[in-house]
Structure formats: structure tokens, C-alpha cells
Protein backbone atom coordinates (compact mmCIF):
# COMPACT_ATOMS: atom_id res chain seq x y z
CA UNK A 1 -26.06 7.80 -14.92
CA UNK A 2 -24.96 7.96 -18.55
CA UNK A 3 -22.24 10.60 -18.54
CA UNK A 4 -19.62 8.15 -17.25
CA UNK A 5 -16.95 8.65 -14.61
CA UNK A 6 -13.85 10.80 -14.38
CA UNK A 7 -10.92 9.12 -12.62
CA UNK A 8 -7.72 10.99 -11.72
CA UNK A 9 -4.62 8.90 -11.01
CA UNK A 10 -1.85 10.77 -9.19
CA UNK A 11 1.48 9.12 -9.91
CA UNK A 12 0.18 8.18 -13.35
CA UNK A 13 3.71 7.38 -14.58
CA UNK A 14 3.90 4.38 -12.22
CA UNK A 15 4.85 1.02 -13.70
CA UNK A 16 1.59 -0.26 -12.15
CA UNK A 17 -0.66 1.95 -14.30
CA UNK A 18 -1.17 -0.74 -17.00
CA UNK A 19 -2.58 -2.99 -14.24
CA UNK A 20 -5.09 -0.30 -13.36
CA UNK A 21 -6.04 0.27 -17.00
CA UNK A 22 -6.52 -3.48 -17.49
CA UNK A 23 -8.86 -3.44 -14.48
CA UNK A 24 -10.94 -0.59 -15.92
CA UNK A 25 -11.15 -2.38 -19.27
CA UNK A 26 -12.26 -5.67 -17.66
CA UNK A 27 -14.98 -4.02 -15.57
CA UNK A 28 -16.16 -1.40 -18.05
CA UNK A 29 -19.71 -2.88 -18.17
CA UNK A 30 -20.18 -2.12 -14.48
CA UNK A 31 -17.85 0.88 -14.19
CA UNK A 32 -18.34 3.24 -17.16
CA UNK A 33 -15.12 5.26 -17.05
CA UNK A 34 -15.34 8.17 -19.47
CA UNK A 35 -12.07 9.95 -18.68
CA UNK A 36 -8.87 8.68 -17.11
CA UNK A 37 -6.45 11.47 -16.17
CA UNK A 38 -2.87 10.40 -15.49
CA UNK A 39 -1.01 13.12 -13.61
CA UNK A 40 2.64 13.23 -12.59
CA UNK A 41 5.43 15.68 -11.82
CA UNK A 42 8.15 16.89 -14.20
CA UNK A 43 10.57 14.17 -13.01
CA UNK A 44 7.99 11.53 -13.96
CA UNK A 45 6.95 13.05 -17.30
CA UNK A 46 8.82 10.61 -19.54
CA UNK A 47 7.49 7.54 -17.73
CA UNK A 48 3.97 8.97 -17.73
CA UNK A 49 4.11 9.48 -21.49
CA UNK A 50 5.35 5.93 -22.09
CA UNK A 51 2.72 4.42 -19.78
CA UNK A 52 0.02 6.78 -21.04
CA UNK A 53 0.61 5.76 -24.65
CA UNK A 54 0.45 2.08 -23.66
CA UNK A 55 -2.84 2.83 -21.81
CA UNK A 56 -4.25 4.45 -24.97
CA UNK A 57 -3.26 1.39 -27.07
CA UNK A 58 -4.83 -0.99 -24.52
CA UNK A 59 -8.11 0.96 -24.55
CA UNK A 60 -8.13 1.22 -28.33
CA UNK A 61 -7.56 -2.53 -28.61
CA UNK A 62 -10.50 -3.11 -26.24
CA UNK A 63 -12.65 -0.78 -28.38
CA UNK A 64 -13.82 1.31 -25.43
CA UNK A 65 -14.71 5.04 -25.42
CA UNK A 66 -12.38 5.96 -22.54
CA UNK A 67 -10.38 9.16 -23.05
CA UNK A 68 -6.86 9.12 -21.55
CA UNK A 69 -5.42 12.53 -20.60
CA UNK A 70 -1.76 12.97 -19.61
CA UNK A 71 -0.92 16.07 -17.59
CA UNK A 72 1.47 17.70 -15.13
CA UNK A 73 -1.43 19.94 -13.98
CA UNK A 74 -2.85 18.24 -10.90
CA UNK A 75 -5.70 20.72 -10.55
CA UNK A 76 -6.96 20.04 -14.08
CA UNK A 77 -6.89 16.31 -13.36
CA UNK A 78 -8.79 16.72 -10.06
CA UNK A 79 -11.49 19.10 -11.34
CA UNK A 80 -14.87 17.31 -10.97
CA UNK A 81 -13.25 13.87 -10.58
CA UNK A 82 -15.47 11.08 -9.21
CA UNK A 83 -12.57 8.98 -7.93
CA UNK A 84 -8.98 9.99 -7.20
CA UNK A 85 -6.38 7.24 -6.95
CA UNK A 86 -2.93 7.95 -5.50
CA UNK A 87 0.13 5.82 -6.29
CA UNK A 88 3.04 8.23 -6.06
CA UNK A 89 6.52 7.90 -4.58
CA UNK A 90 8.13 11.09 -3.22
CA UNK A 91 11.82 10.99 -4.14
CA UNK A 92 11.24 8.09 -6.56
CA UNK A 93 13.11 4.78 -6.22
CA UNK A 94 16.35 6.59 -5.32
CA UNK A 95 14.73 7.61 -2.01
CA UNK A 96 13.57 4.06 -1.41
CA UNK A 97 17.11 2.78 -1.96
CA UNK A 98 18.35 5.14 0.78
CA UNK A 99 15.53 3.96 3.09
CA UNK A 100 16.77 0.42 2.59
CA UNK A 101 20.55 0.92 2.72
CA UNK A 102 21.07 3.42 5.54
CA UNK A 103 19.41 1.42 8.38
CA UNK A 104 21.35 -1.74 7.40
CA UNK A 105 24.60 0.06 8.39
CA UNK A 106 23.23 0.07 11.96
CA UNK A 107 22.14 -3.57 11.83
CA UNK A 108 18.50 -2.44 11.53
CA UNK A 109 16.12 -3.60 8.85
CA UNK A 110 15.87 -1.25 5.87
CA UNK A 111 12.46 -1.75 4.27
CA UNK A 112 10.01 0.36 2.30
CA UNK A 113 7.09 0.41 4.76
CA UNK A 114 8.49 -0.99 8.03
CA UNK A 115 10.91 0.43 10.60
CA UNK A 116 13.06 3.44 9.59
CA UNK A 117 12.18 3.10 5.89
CA UNK A 118 8.46 3.15 6.63
CA UNK A 119 8.93 6.15 8.93
CA UNK A 120 10.81 8.19 6.33
CA UNK A 121 8.49 7.24 3.50
CA UNK A 122 5.66 8.50 5.71
CA UNK A 123 7.49 11.73 6.59
CA UNK A 124 8.04 12.46 2.87
CA UNK A 125 4.58 11.38 1.72
CA UNK A 126 2.11 12.75 4.28
CA UNK A 127 2.61 16.49 3.53
CA UNK A 128 2.07 15.75 -0.19
CA UNK A 129 -1.12 13.71 0.35
CA UNK A 130 -2.48 16.47 2.62
CA UNK A 131 -1.83 19.00 -0.18
CA UNK A 132 -3.75 16.77 -2.58
CA UNK A 133 -6.61 16.63 -0.04
CA UNK A 134 -6.72 20.45 0.06
CA UNK A 135 -7.03 20.52 -3.74
CA UNK A 136 -9.76 17.87 -3.59
CA UNK A 137 -11.78 19.89 -1.06
CA UNK A 138 -11.83 22.73 -3.57
CA UNK A 139 -12.05 20.89 -6.91
CA UNK A 140 -13.86 17.58 -6.28
CA UNK A 141 -15.27 17.61 -2.73
CA UNK A 142 -17.55 14.61 -3.40
CA UNK A 143 -14.84 12.37 -4.87
CA UNK A 144 -13.58 9.21 -3.21
CA UNK A 145 -9.84 9.13 -2.51
CA UNK A 146 -8.48 5.62 -3.06
CA UNK A 147 -4.92 5.60 -1.73
CA UNK A 148 -2.38 2.91 -2.68
CA UNK A 149 0.60 5.08 -1.75
CA UNK A 150 2.68 3.40 0.95
CA UNK A 151 2.85 3.31 3.91
CA UNK A 152 -0.90 3.00 3.21
CA UNK A 153 -1.99 2.66 6.85
CA UNK A 154 -0.01 5.66 8.07
CA UNK A 155 -1.11 7.75 5.07
CA UNK A 156 -4.79 6.86 5.67
CA UNK A 157 -4.32 7.68 9.37
CA UNK A 158 -2.90 11.12 8.47
CA UNK A 159 -5.71 11.96 6.03
CA UNK A 160 -8.40 10.97 8.56
CA UNK A 161 -6.70 12.95 11.33
CA UNK A 162 -5.30 16.04 9.57
CA UNK A 163 -7.55 16.73 6.56
CA UNK A 164 -11.25 17.34 5.93
CA UNK A 165 -11.45 14.46 3.45
CA UNK A 166 -13.51 11.71 5.02
CA UNK A 167 -14.18 9.73 1.83
CA UNK A 168 -10.83 7.97 1.89
CA UNK A 169 -10.07 4.27 1.56
CA UNK A 170 -6.52 2.91 1.82
CA UNK A 171 -5.79 -0.14 -0.25
CA UNK A 172 -3.07 -2.77 -0.33
CA UNK A 173 -2.55 -5.86 -2.46
CA UNK A 174 -1.38 -7.99 0.50
CA UNK A 175 -4.81 -9.28 1.65
CA UNK A 176 -5.90 -10.21 -1.88
CA UNK A 177 -2.45 -11.80 -2.36
CA UNK A 178 -3.03 -13.88 0.78
CA UNK A 179 -6.50 -14.91 -0.47
CA UNK A 180 -5.02 -15.95 -3.83
CA UNK A 181 -2.20 -17.81 -2.05
CA UNK A 182 -4.61 -19.70 0.20
CA UNK A 183 -6.83 -20.57 -2.79
CA UNK A 184 -3.76 -22.01 -4.51
CA UNK A 185 -2.70 -23.96 -1.38
CA UNK A 186 -6.18 -25.48 -1.14
CA UNK A 187 -6.53 -25.85 -4.91
CA UNK A 188 -9.88 -24.03 -5.03
CA UNK A 189 -11.11 -21.01 -7.00
CA UNK A 190 -10.41 -17.63 -5.35
CA UNK A 191 -14.14 -16.77 -5.42
CA UNK A 192 -14.83 -19.56 -2.88
CA UNK A 193 -12.37 -18.19 -0.28
CA UNK A 194 -13.19 -15.68 2.43
CA UNK A 195 -10.76 -14.54 5.11
CA UNK A 196 -11.70 -12.41 8.13
CA UNK A 197 -8.89 -9.84 8.10
CA UNK A 198 -8.12 -7.52 11.02
CA UNK A 199 -5.15 -5.43 12.10
CA UNK A 200 -3.21 -2.69 10.33
CA UNK A 201 -1.69 -2.26 6.91
CA UNK A 202 1.28 -4.66 6.55
CA UNK A 203 0.39 -5.85 10.06
CA UNK A 204 -2.86 -7.64 9.23
CA UNK A 205 -3.91 -11.09 10.41
CA UNK A 206 -6.40 -13.60 9.02
CA UNK A 207 -8.55 -14.42 12.04
CA UNK A 208 -10.46 -17.15 10.18
CA UNK A 209 -10.52 -18.69 6.70
CA UNK A 210 -13.57 -20.10 4.96
CA UNK A 211 -14.18 -22.13 1.83
CA UNK A 212 -17.84 -21.92 0.79
CA UNK A 213 -18.61 -20.53 4.24
CA UNK A 214 -16.99 -23.40 6.18
CA UNK A 215 -13.94 -22.65 8.36
CA UNK A 216 -10.73 -24.31 7.15
CA UNK A 217 -8.36 -22.30 9.35
CA UNK A 218 -6.81 -25.33 11.07
CA UNK A 219 -6.04 -26.96 7.74
CA UNK A 220 -4.47 -23.75 6.35
CA UNK A 221 -2.32 -23.26 9.47
CA UNK A 222 -1.12 -26.86 9.11
CA UNK A 223 -0.12 -26.08 5.52
CA UNK A 224 1.71 -22.94 6.70
CA UNK A 225 4.07 -25.07 8.79
CA UNK A 226 5.70 -26.02 5.46
CA UNK A 227 8.43 -23.38 4.78
CA UNK A 228 7.53 -23.35 1.07
CA UNK A 229 4.07 -22.03 1.89
CA UNK A 230 4.96 -19.15 4.20
CA UNK A 231 4.96 -16.18 1.79
CA UNK A 232 2.25 -14.89 -0.52
CA UNK A 233 3.87 -11.91 -2.24
CA UNK A 234 6.72 -11.67 -4.74
CA UNK A 235 8.77 -9.02 -2.94
CA UNK A 236 9.12 -10.84 0.42
CA UNK A 237 10.44 -14.36 0.46
CA UNK A 238 9.38 -15.95 3.73
CA UNK A 239 11.85 -18.04 5.68
CA UNK A 240 9.28 -20.52 6.99
CA UNK A 241 7.68 -20.48 10.44
CA UNK A 242 8.51 -22.70 13.38
CA UNK A 243 5.53 -25.12 13.47
CA UNK A 244 5.18 -24.69 17.25
CA UNK A 245 4.98 -20.90 16.84
CA UNK A 246 2.52 -20.73 13.94
CA UNK A 247 0.22 -23.36 15.47
CA UNK A 248 0.09 -21.53 18.81
CA UNK A 249 -0.36 -18.14 17.08
CA UNK A 250 -3.47 -19.74 15.52
CA UNK A 251 -4.12 -16.95 12.97
CA UNK A 252 -2.84 -16.36 9.44
CA UNK A 253 0.17 -14.06 9.20
CA UNK A 254 0.96 -11.68 6.36
CA UNK A 255 4.39 -11.68 4.64
CA UNK A 256 5.48 -8.52 6.49
CA UNK A 257 5.28 -10.39 9.80
CA UNK A 258 8.60 -11.96 8.83
CA UNK A 259 10.22 -8.63 9.75
CA UNK A 260 8.84 -8.77 13.31
CA UNK A 261 8.87 -12.47 14.15
CA UNK A 262 12.15 -13.21 12.33
CA UNK A 263 13.89 -9.85 12.70
CA UNK A 264 17.46 -11.12 13.02
CA UNK A 265 17.21 -13.57 10.10
CA UNK A 266 15.61 -10.92 7.86
CA UNK A 267 18.35 -8.36 8.64
CA UNK A 268 21.02 -10.97 7.84
CA UNK A 269 19.22 -11.94 4.63
CA UNK A 270 18.85 -8.29 3.56
CA UNK A 271 22.51 -7.50 4.32
CA UNK A 272 23.53 -10.44 2.14
CA UNK A 273 21.10 -9.47 -0.67
CA UNK A 274 22.21 -5.81 -0.57
CA UNK A 275 25.79 -6.95 -1.06
CA UNK A 276 25.09 -9.52 -3.79
CA UNK A 277 22.28 -8.10 -5.92
CA UNK A 278 21.43 -4.72 -4.37
CA UNK A 279 18.55 -3.70 -2.13
CA UNK A 280 14.97 -4.34 -3.24
CA UNK A 281 14.75 -0.78 -4.63
CA UNK A 282 17.85 -1.38 -6.75
CA UNK A 283 16.40 -4.68 -8.04
CA UNK A 284 13.11 -2.87 -8.81
CA UNK A 285 15.01 -0.12 -10.67
CA UNK A 286 16.41 -2.80 -13.00
CA UNK A 287 13.00 -4.45 -13.36
CA UNK A 288 11.39 -1.09 -14.13
CA UNK A 289 13.99 -0.34 -16.78
CA UNK A 290 13.04 -3.58 -18.54
CA UNK A 291 9.31 -2.89 -18.08
CA UNK A 292 9.51 0.61 -19.55
CA UNK A 293 11.49 -0.74 -22.52
CA UNK A 294 8.60 -3.19 -23.09
CA UNK A 295 6.01 -0.45 -22.58
CA UNK A 296 7.66 1.64 -25.33
CA UNK A 297 6.93 -1.02 -27.97
CA UNK A 298 4.24 0.53 -30.22
CA UNK A 299 2.92 -2.99 -30.93
CA UNK A 300 2.33 -3.77 -27.24
CA UNK A 301 -1.35 -3.27 -26.37
CA UNK A 302 -1.72 -5.50 -23.27
CA UNK A 303 -0.25 -5.55 -19.77
CA UNK A 304 3.00 -7.57 -20.06
CA UNK A 305 3.27 -10.62 -17.74
CA UNK A 306 6.67 -9.34 -16.46
CA UNK A 307 4.77 -6.76 -14.36
CA UNK A 308 3.92 -9.53 -11.85
CA UNK A 309 7.62 -9.67 -10.89
CA UNK A 310 7.31 -6.11 -9.61
CA UNK A 311 5.57 -7.28 -6.41
CA UNK A 312 2.19 -5.64 -7.06
CA UNK A 313 0.25 -8.60 -8.41
CA UNK A 314 -3.56 -8.32 -8.04
CA UNK A 315 -3.20 -4.65 -7.14
CA UNK A 316 -5.43 -3.37 -9.94
CA UNK A 317 -7.87 -6.15 -9.33
CA UNK A 318 -8.22 -5.02 -5.72
CA UNK A 319 -8.39 -1.35 -6.77
CA UNK A 320 -10.94 -1.62 -9.54
CA UNK A 321 -13.01 -4.13 -7.54
CA UNK A 322 -13.19 -1.57 -4.71
CA UNK A 323 -14.10 1.37 -6.98
CA UNK A 324 -16.75 -0.76 -8.73
CA UNK A 325 -18.29 -1.87 -5.43
CA UNK A 326 -18.56 1.74 -4.18
CA UNK A 327 -20.01 2.89 -7.52
CA UNK A 328 -22.57 0.05 -7.77
CA UNK A 329 -23.32 -0.12 -4.01
CA UNK A 330 -22.49 -3.82 -4.21
CA UNK A 331 -22.34 -4.74 -0.54
CA UNK A 332 -19.59 -7.35 -0.99
CA UNK A 333 -16.82 -7.94 1.56
CA UNK A 334 -13.30 -6.60 0.97
CA UNK A 335 -10.33 -5.89 3.28
CA UNK A 336 -9.43 -2.17 3.20
CA UNK A 337 -7.91 0.59 5.36
CA UNK A 338 -10.61 2.75 6.88
CA UNK A 339 -11.64 4.46 10.11
CA UNK A 340 -12.03 1.88 12.88
CA UNK A 341 -15.36 3.06 14.37
CA UNK A 342 -15.32 0.33 17.00
CA UNK A 343 -14.64 -2.62 14.65
CA UNK A 344 -11.43 -3.58 16.51
CA UNK A 345 -11.90 -3.00 20.23
CA UNK A 346 -8.15 -2.81 20.95
CA UNK A 347 -7.59 0.22 18.63
CA UNK A 348 -8.96 3.79 19.09
CA UNK A 349 -12.23 4.40 17.20
CA UNK A 350 -10.80 7.35 15.24
CA UNK A 351 -7.74 5.46 13.95
CA UNK A 352 -7.18 3.79 10.59
CA UNK A 353 -7.29 -0.01 10.61
CA UNK A 354 -7.11 -2.70 7.93
CA UNK A 355 -10.19 -4.85 8.32
CA UNK A 356 -12.77 -6.77 6.28
CA UNK A 357 -15.57 -4.36 5.35
CA UNK A 358 -18.91 -4.40 3.56
CA UNK A 359 -18.42 -2.03 0.60
CA UNK A 360 -21.36 0.29 -0.11
CA UNK A 361 -21.99 3.53 -1.99
CA UNK A 362 -21.29 5.27 1.33
CA UNK A 363 -17.91 3.54 1.54
CA UNK A 364 -16.60 0.69 3.67
CA UNK A 365 -18.58 -0.50 6.70
CA UNK A 366 -16.11 -2.38 8.93
CA UNK A 367 -17.18 -5.81 10.20
CA UNK A 368 -16.93 -5.82 13.98
CA UNK A 369 -14.30 -8.28 15.23
CA UNK A 370 -14.15 -7.17 18.88
CA UNK A 371 -10.79 -7.55 20.63
CA UNK A 372 -7.88 -8.92 18.66
CA UNK A 373 -6.57 -12.24 20.01
CA UNK A 374 -4.24 -11.55 22.94
CA UNK A 375 -1.27 -13.16 21.16
CA UNK A 376 -1.27 -10.49 18.42
CA UNK A 377 -2.92 -7.53 20.13
CA UNK A 378 0.21 -5.97 21.67
CA UNK A 379 2.22 -5.87 18.45
CA UNK A 380 -0.67 -4.29 16.52
CA UNK A 381 -1.11 -1.64 19.23
CA UNK A 382 2.63 -0.90 19.23
CA UNK A 383 2.62 -0.37 15.45
CA UNK A 384 -0.47 1.85 15.74
CA UNK A 385 1.40 4.02 18.31
CA UNK A 386 4.30 4.23 15.86
CA UNK A 387 1.96 5.28 13.00
CA UNK A 388 0.22 7.92 15.11
CA UNK A 389 3.44 9.52 16.38
CA UNK A 390 5.05 9.32 12.91
CA UNK A 391 2.04 11.02 11.28
CA UNK A 392 2.20 13.78 13.90
CA UNK A 393 5.94 14.24 13.22
CA UNK A 394 5.25 14.46 9.47
CA UNK A 395 2.60 17.16 9.92
CA UNK A 396 4.39 19.26 12.58
CA UNK A 397 8.01 18.80 11.46
CA UNK A 398 8.85 17.89 15.06
CA UNK A 399 12.29 16.22 15.03
CA UNK A 400 11.90 14.85 18.57
CA UNK A 401 8.66 13.13 17.56
CA UNK A 402 10.46 11.49 14.62
CA UNK A 403 13.07 10.04 17.01
CA UNK A 404 10.29 8.95 19.37
CA UNK A 405 8.33 7.27 16.55
CA UNK A 406 11.31 5.20 15.47
CA UNK A 407 12.18 4.25 19.05
CA UNK A 408 8.60 3.01 19.62
CA UNK A 409 8.91 0.81 16.53
CA UNK A 410 9.84 -2.78 17.49
CA UNK A 411 12.43 -2.93 14.68
CA UNK A 412 14.61 -0.29 16.38
CA UNK A 413 16.98 -1.66 19.05
CA UNK A 414 17.43 1.56 21.10
CA UNK A 415 16.77 5.28 21.37
CA UNK A 416 20.45 6.03 20.65
CA UNK A 417 20.48 4.03 17.42
CA UNK A 418 17.09 5.52 16.49
CA UNK A 419 18.53 9.02 16.83
CA UNK A 420 21.62 8.12 14.74
CA UNK A 421 19.46 6.64 11.97
CA UNK A 422 17.03 9.59 12.03
CA UNK A 423 19.92 12.06 11.79
CA UNK A 424 21.53 10.32 8.84
CA UNK A 425 18.23 9.78 7.01
CA UNK A 426 17.07 13.37 7.61
CA UNK A 427 20.25 14.57 5.91
CA UNK A 428 19.91 12.04 3.06
CA UNK A 429 16.29 13.04 2.37
CA UNK A 430 16.66 16.74 3.15
CA UNK A 431 15.13 18.02 -0.11
CA UNK A 432 11.92 16.04 0.52
CA UNK A 433 11.53 16.99 4.19
CA UNK A 434 11.07 20.79 4.13
CA UNK A 435 8.88 20.70 7.26
CA UNK A 436 11.90 19.68 9.39
CA UNK A 437 14.44 22.06 7.87
CA UNK A 438 12.45 25.29 7.57
CA UNK A 439 12.55 25.71 11.34
CA UNK A 440 16.29 25.12 11.56
CA UNK A 441 16.99 27.68 8.87
CA UNK A 442 14.55 30.19 10.39
């Protein structure tokens, strides 16, 4: 196939775009991208132009024949695309800051993809992704949708359940971050590590860990009893596990498990951080300001190292690796969000799960793990119930379902507090939640 590929990136003005472009440059020999379309909305135009110009300089420096198009016209970007990647944030970082601050007033964790923050990010995002899916059905029905937009598990669930797009893969940088972290702990090259991942997005466990095909799980769990080794991503600093707990759990955790197994400590830590340096969204706003100043430099033609501070390290590597493996029918193993199809016995077959898969030209083939270990099964099922009910609330605009979803979530202490948080957050995000307010006004 000589004509090359057309890739449309929705949310093209994201600070992560240079990561993605670097990935396409690195893998150009296997993945002949001809056109990269960066698409955004009016509010993101300035950032898209800054990032788009940096992308053009990076490609020029690499001497590759990739055309970069910048547009606010989503339909033009989607027309005949081979792959569509989504990395948008409805309401921008201001909305994330509200997701983080409001729940803290109630002594509940405010976080981008967990608890009330995860619920409201899903409620804002799902109608938009379903609109994109409608456009794809018409303009690029054979394209693969590669979704990085958080909450990735809930968004993948909604697309599988409420759209006709079946060629969707949800992607997160947490599993690859864990692999990189374990490689560092063991002082071996990342290529020698394999982890059997199973669970949900931001609720995934490493059931076993191998170096050169030999299990080293016991050794890794021993290393995880050291508090300095308990977190693998920049944006969540772990507090260290109780050795008795982590040894008995007997699987690898992901950084987001801190919110569930150390709820009280994480709320206290976030309250203190919000007071001293701002919530994570406010920290990221400052980081992004610096990044975009760097991106503006006409002499910059590489991805700046400061981007790693943003919390998305290895994200493009995971993304471009996945796209390349689908395109080349590679058959390698990668952890992604896809339809369960019986891989995890404790989760419905038609639900989205995050699991190690063999990646082929027909998409991910989940590796069957059977039942999750009993010590983690209940929490995963509870979060899946939350995702399902939240996705239904997002699609139907059913207020009661939104209250129910939050009450099901283990981070909410009661139905009364759930209702109070939902009411305040509905009001705060009103402009991005038309499905809930149309009915009231009617």
C-alpha cells in the first residue's frame, strides 16, 4: 500500500501532540503516515496553531513527507481517515479544576478520572465522543478509533454500547508506565518485561510479571513493599503500601489504586496540596503555560523534555505502537481497553475491560485470564457497575442515574453526599451538560 495513511487527531491542540508526532516520526518506516490532520474547536485554536507549527518543524527536521493540516472542521479531518485518535477535554482544564475542587469541600476525593471527577468528565465527554462516532460512520466507516480521552474505560464502554463503531480501542499510558517502572526496579531493558494485565482502566492489576518469560512476580512484590517504589506515574505520588497488605494482595497495583486502598490519606494529601500549590489541574495549567511558551520557539524542532512532567510519559509510544501493530498485523501483546468477549470471567462479555491483548489487523484479541483473583474481583466489579450506570446517565440525561452512579462508586461516603456533590457539579458544569438541562427547561 503506497498511498500512505491519513490520521485525524481530535483535540489536536493538546500539549501531548508533540509526543504523538515524535512517535509517528520514529516509526515512519513501518507506519507510512501521509497526512496528519489536527482538529480542534475555536477555544483551542491558538494552542492547535502553536502545536501544529511545532509538529511541522519536527517533521521537516526529520525529512519526512508527512503533510500536517490544522483545522476547526472536524468533518474534513475525518473524511477517508484510516485512524482517528481522540485526546480532547470538554471544558478544558478549567472544568478539571472544578472536578477536583468541588468534591474536596465534602471530604471526598476530587480527581480527574475517579469518583465524582471521573463521573462528571464522563458525563461531559460521552455525548461528544458519540457525535464523533456518528461522523465516522458517515465519513470513514472503516477507520479505527483510538481513544485516549479520559475516563478511557467509561468512554470505550459508551462507544461499544451506544454507537455503531466497533473498531474502537481505548488506550492509557498507565500499563506501559508500570512496565517501564518495573524494568527500572529490576534494572533490565523494557523489551524483556511482560506483565499480564487485567481489570479496568485506572483499575488494572498485573496478575503476573515476567522477565524473558520467567515469572518474577514475588520479587517485584517484595520491591513494592518499599514506599519509594509504589508509584509509576508522575501525576500520582504513591504513599507506600503496608507490606502485609501488598504481599497478601499478591498482584501488582496501578497508581490509581492509592485512591481506593488509601482513600483517607489521599483526601488529606489532596486537601493540603489544593491549599498549598493548587489542585492537579491548576498545577498542569502552569506547566502547560510553560510548555506552550517553549513550543512557540521557532528554533524548537523536537519534543521538549519538560513534557514528561505533564504526567503523560510513554503515551505516544503506547499510541503509535498500537496503531503500527494494527496496521502491520504484528501479533504482539499490548494492554488496551476493548470488548471483554469472555477474557475476564467476572465481567460481562459485552463490557469494556483493560486487558493484555494480541494486536492484529482485526484489532485486539484479549488473552483469556478467567476469573480475577477473589481479593480484587469485587472492587473491579463495583467500578464496572459505576461505569455502566454513569455511561447510561450521560446518554439519557437521567439525573437520578447520575446520583446512583456516584453512590455506587466506593469513593462516595453516602447517597446524601452524592446528591449534594452531583447538584453542585451539575450547576458548575451546566454549559457542558445540555442533556441534563434540556429536560428541565422543556
